[in-house]
Amino acid sequence: MADPQSVTLSDLRAALVQVGIVVDEDFVSLELRENGLTVHRLVRTDSGMPARLPNGGVQCVGQTIRVVAETPPAQAE
C-alpha cells in the first residue's frame, strides 16, 4: 500500500487523540521508533511564553510512550 500524498492536521489530531495523545499548540514533533513514540512539546515559562534557549531557539521536552506489539488483555479481578 502506498503512503498518501497528504493528510490533514485535523485527521492526524483525530487519530492520535484515540490513543490519548493531544496535538495542541505546544506540539512540536513526533518521533516513531520500533519500541517508542516520542512526543516533543514546547516548554513554557510561568507567564505562558515559550522558554528560550541561549542560541535563540525554544526549549522543548520529549515524552516517550512505549510501543507494544499488542494491548495486553484486561486482568480479571
N, C-alpha and C. Protein backbone atom coordinates (compact mmCIF):
# COMPACT_ATOMS: atom_id res chain seq x y z
N MET A 1 0.84 -1.18 0.00
CA MET A 1 0.00 0.00 0.00
C MET A 1 0.88 1.24 0.00
N ALA A 2 0.57 2.17 -0.85
CA ALA A 2 1.35 3.40 -0.94
C ALA A 2 0.92 4.39 0.14
N ASP A 3 1.88 5.19 0.60
CA ASP A 3 1.57 6.25 1.56
C ASP A 3 0.76 7.33 0.86
N PRO A 4 -0.13 8.00 1.60
CA PRO A 4 -0.87 9.10 0.98
C PRO A 4 0.06 10.27 0.67
N GLN A 5 -0.34 11.10 -0.29
CA GLN A 5 0.47 12.27 -0.62
C GLN A 5 0.29 13.37 0.41
N SER A 6 -0.84 13.36 1.11
CA SER A 6 -1.05 14.37 2.15
C SER A 6 -2.12 13.89 3.12
N VAL A 7 -2.07 14.42 4.32
CA VAL A 7 -3.11 14.21 5.33
C VAL A 7 -3.37 15.56 5.98
N THR A 8 -4.55 15.72 6.53
CA THR A 8 -4.85 16.99 7.19
C THR A 8 -4.44 16.92 8.66
N LEU A 9 -4.14 18.07 9.21
CA LEU A 9 -3.81 18.13 10.63
C LEU A 9 -5.00 17.67 11.47
N SER A 10 -6.20 17.97 11.04
CA SER A 10 -7.41 17.52 11.75
C SER A 10 -7.49 16.00 11.78
N ASP A 11 -7.16 15.33 10.66
CA ASP A 11 -7.17 13.87 10.61
C ASP A 11 -6.12 13.28 11.56
N LEU A 12 -4.92 13.88 11.57
CA LEU A 12 -3.87 13.41 12.47
C LEU A 12 -4.27 13.60 13.93
N ARG A 13 -4.82 14.77 14.25
CA ARG A 13 -5.26 15.03 15.63
C ARG A 13 -6.31 14.00 16.05
N ALA A 14 -7.27 13.73 15.18
CA ALA A 14 -8.34 12.78 15.49
C ALA A 14 -7.78 11.37 15.70
N ALA A 15 -6.82 10.97 14.89
CA ALA A 15 -6.23 9.63 15.03
C ALA A 15 -5.43 9.50 16.32
N LEU A 16 -4.65 10.53 16.63
CA LEU A 16 -3.80 10.47 17.82
C LEU A 16 -4.59 10.59 19.12
N VAL A 17 -5.67 11.36 19.10
CA VAL A 17 -6.46 11.52 20.32
C VAL A 17 -7.11 10.19 20.72
N GLN A 18 -7.34 9.30 19.77
CA GLN A 18 -7.91 7.99 20.07
C GLN A 18 -7.00 7.15 20.97
N VAL A 19 -5.70 7.43 20.95
CA VAL A 19 -4.76 6.72 21.82
C VAL A 19 -4.25 7.63 22.94
N GLY A 20 -4.92 8.78 23.14
CA GLY A 20 -4.61 9.64 24.27
C GLY A 20 -3.56 10.69 24.04
N ILE A 21 -3.16 10.94 22.80
CA ILE A 21 -2.13 11.95 22.51
C ILE A 21 -2.82 13.19 21.96
N VAL A 22 -2.66 14.31 22.66
CA VAL A 22 -3.29 15.56 22.24
C VAL A 22 -2.26 16.40 21.49
N VAL A 23 -2.59 16.74 20.26
CA VAL A 23 -1.73 17.59 19.44
C VAL A 23 -2.30 19.00 19.54
N ASP A 24 -1.75 19.79 20.48
CA ASP A 24 -2.24 21.13 20.72
C ASP A 24 -1.21 22.16 20.28
N GLU A 25 -1.37 23.41 20.71
CA GLU A 25 -0.46 24.47 20.28
C GLU A 25 0.97 24.28 20.78
N ASP A 26 1.19 23.44 21.79
CA ASP A 26 2.54 23.20 22.30
C ASP A 26 3.24 22.05 21.58
N PHE A 27 2.54 21.33 20.72
CA PHE A 27 3.11 20.21 19.99
C PHE A 27 4.18 20.68 19.02
N VAL A 28 5.32 19.98 19.00
CA VAL A 28 6.41 20.33 18.09
C VAL A 28 6.62 19.22 17.06
N SER A 29 6.82 17.97 17.53
CA SER A 29 7.07 16.89 16.59
C SER A 29 6.83 15.53 17.23
N LEU A 30 6.74 14.51 16.37
CA LEU A 30 6.65 13.11 16.79
C LEU A 30 7.87 12.38 16.26
N GLU A 31 8.37 11.45 17.04
CA GLU A 31 9.49 10.61 16.60
C GLU A 31 9.09 9.16 16.89
N LEU A 32 8.89 8.38 15.85
CA LEU A 32 8.46 6.99 15.99
C LEU A 32 9.64 6.05 15.79
N ARG A 33 9.81 5.16 16.73
CA ARG A 33 10.81 4.10 16.64
C ARG A 33 10.09 2.76 16.85
N GLU A 34 10.79 1.69 16.70
CA GLU A 34 10.18 0.36 16.82
C GLU A 34 9.53 0.14 18.18
N ASN A 35 10.13 0.68 19.24
CA ASN A 35 9.60 0.41 20.58
C ASN A 35 9.15 1.66 21.32
N GLY A 36 9.07 2.80 20.64
CA GLY A 36 8.64 4.01 21.33
C GLY A 36 8.21 5.13 20.41
N LEU A 37 7.31 5.95 20.91
CA LEU A 37 6.85 7.14 20.21
C LEU A 37 7.14 8.32 21.13
N THR A 38 7.99 9.24 20.67
CA THR A 38 8.33 10.40 21.48
C THR A 38 7.56 11.60 20.97
N VAL A 39 6.84 12.25 21.89
CA VAL A 39 6.08 13.45 21.58
C VAL A 39 6.89 14.63 22.12
N HIS A 40 7.30 15.52 21.25
CA HIS A 40 8.08 16.70 21.64
C HIS A 40 7.13 17.89 21.74
N ARG A 41 7.24 18.62 22.87
CA ARG A 41 6.39 19.78 23.11
C ARG A 41 7.22 20.96 23.57
N LEU A 42 6.69 22.16 23.37
CA LEU A 42 7.33 23.38 23.87
C LEU A 42 7.31 23.41 25.38
N VAL A 43 8.36 23.98 25.96
CA VAL A 43 8.38 24.28 27.40
C VAL A 43 7.94 25.74 27.51
N ARG A 44 7.04 26.01 28.42
CA ARG A 44 6.55 27.39 28.61
C ARG A 44 7.00 27.94 29.95
N THR A 45 7.22 29.25 29.98
CA THR A 45 7.58 29.93 31.23
C THR A 45 6.32 30.11 32.07
N ASP A 46 6.49 30.61 33.29
CA ASP A 46 5.35 30.87 34.17
C ASP A 46 4.37 31.86 33.55
N SER A 47 4.86 32.74 32.70
CA SER A 47 3.99 33.73 32.06
C SER A 47 3.29 33.17 30.82
N GLY A 48 3.61 31.92 30.44
CA GLY A 48 2.97 31.30 29.30
C GLY A 48 3.71 31.44 27.99
N MET A 49 4.84 32.13 28.00
CA MET A 49 5.62 32.30 26.78
C MET A 49 6.55 31.09 26.59
N PRO A 50 6.90 30.77 25.33
CA PRO A 50 7.85 29.68 25.10
C PRO A 50 9.20 29.99 25.76
N ALA A 51 9.77 29.00 26.43
CA ALA A 51 11.08 29.18 27.06
C ALA A 51 12.15 29.24 25.99
N ARG A 52 13.00 30.22 26.06
CA ARG A 52 14.05 30.43 25.04
C ARG A 52 15.35 29.76 25.45
N LEU A 53 16.10 29.36 24.43
CA LEU A 53 17.44 28.83 24.61
C LEU A 53 18.44 29.95 24.34
N PRO A 54 19.66 29.83 24.87
CA PRO A 54 20.68 30.86 24.64
C PRO A 54 20.98 31.12 23.16
N ASN A 55 20.79 30.11 22.31
CA ASN A 55 21.08 30.27 20.89
C ASN A 55 19.92 30.88 20.10
N GLY A 56 18.85 31.26 20.80
CA GLY A 56 17.71 31.90 20.14
C GLY A 56 16.56 30.95 19.84
N GLY A 57 16.77 29.66 20.01
CA GLY A 57 15.70 28.70 19.77
C GLY A 57 14.76 28.63 20.96
N VAL A 58 13.83 27.70 20.89
CA VAL A 58 12.91 27.49 22.01
C VAL A 58 13.19 26.13 22.64
N GLN A 59 12.92 26.05 23.92
CA GLN A 59 13.17 24.82 24.66
C GLN A 59 12.02 23.85 24.45
N CYS A 60 12.35 22.60 24.19
CA CYS A 60 11.35 21.54 24.01
C CYS A 60 11.67 20.40 24.97
N VAL A 61 10.66 19.62 25.28
CA VAL A 61 10.84 18.44 26.10
C VAL A 61 10.11 17.29 25.40
N GLY A 62 10.70 16.11 25.47
CA GLY A 62 10.09 14.95 24.84
C GLY A 62 9.62 13.95 25.87
N GLN A 63 8.46 13.38 25.63
CA GLN A 63 7.93 12.31 26.47
C GLN A 63 7.81 11.08 25.59
N THR A 64 8.43 9.98 26.03
CA THR A 64 8.39 8.76 25.23
C THR A 64 7.30 7.83 25.75
N ILE A 65 6.49 7.37 24.82
CA ILE A 65 5.42 6.44 25.10
C ILE A 65 5.85 5.09 24.53
N ARG A 66 5.81 4.07 25.36
CA ARG A 66 6.23 2.74 24.93
C ARG A 66 5.28 2.20 23.88
N VAL A 67 5.83 1.62 22.83
CA VAL A 67 5.04 0.99 21.77
C VAL A 67 5.17 -0.52 21.95
N VAL A 68 4.02 -1.19 22.06
CA VAL A 68 3.99 -2.64 22.25
C VAL A 68 3.29 -3.28 21.07
N ALA A 69 3.57 -4.57 20.85
CA ALA A 69 3.00 -5.28 19.70
C ALA A 69 1.49 -5.41 19.81
N GLU A 70 0.99 -5.71 20.98
CA GLU A 70 -0.45 -5.90 21.19
C GLU A 70 -0.81 -5.35 22.57
N THR A 71 -2.02 -4.88 22.71
CA THR A 71 -2.50 -4.46 24.01
C THR A 71 -2.77 -5.71 24.83
N PRO A 72 -2.18 -5.78 26.04
CA PRO A 72 -2.43 -6.99 26.85
C PRO A 72 -3.91 -7.07 27.24
N PRO A 73 -4.41 -8.32 27.38
CA PRO A 73 -5.82 -8.46 27.76
C PRO A 73 -6.04 -7.90 29.17
N ALA A 74 -7.26 -7.44 29.41
CA ALA A 74 -7.59 -6.90 30.75
C ALA A 74 -7.50 -8.02 31.77
N GLN A 75 -6.98 -7.67 32.94
CA GLN A 75 -6.85 -8.64 34.04
C GLN A 75 -8.23 -8.89 34.67
N ALA A 76 -8.57 -10.15 34.86
CA ALA A 76 -9.81 -10.48 35.54
C ALA A 76 -9.62 -10.30 37.04
N GLU A 77 -10.60 -9.68 37.67
CA GLU A 77 -10.48 -9.46 39.12
C GLU A 77 -11.34 -10.43 39.87
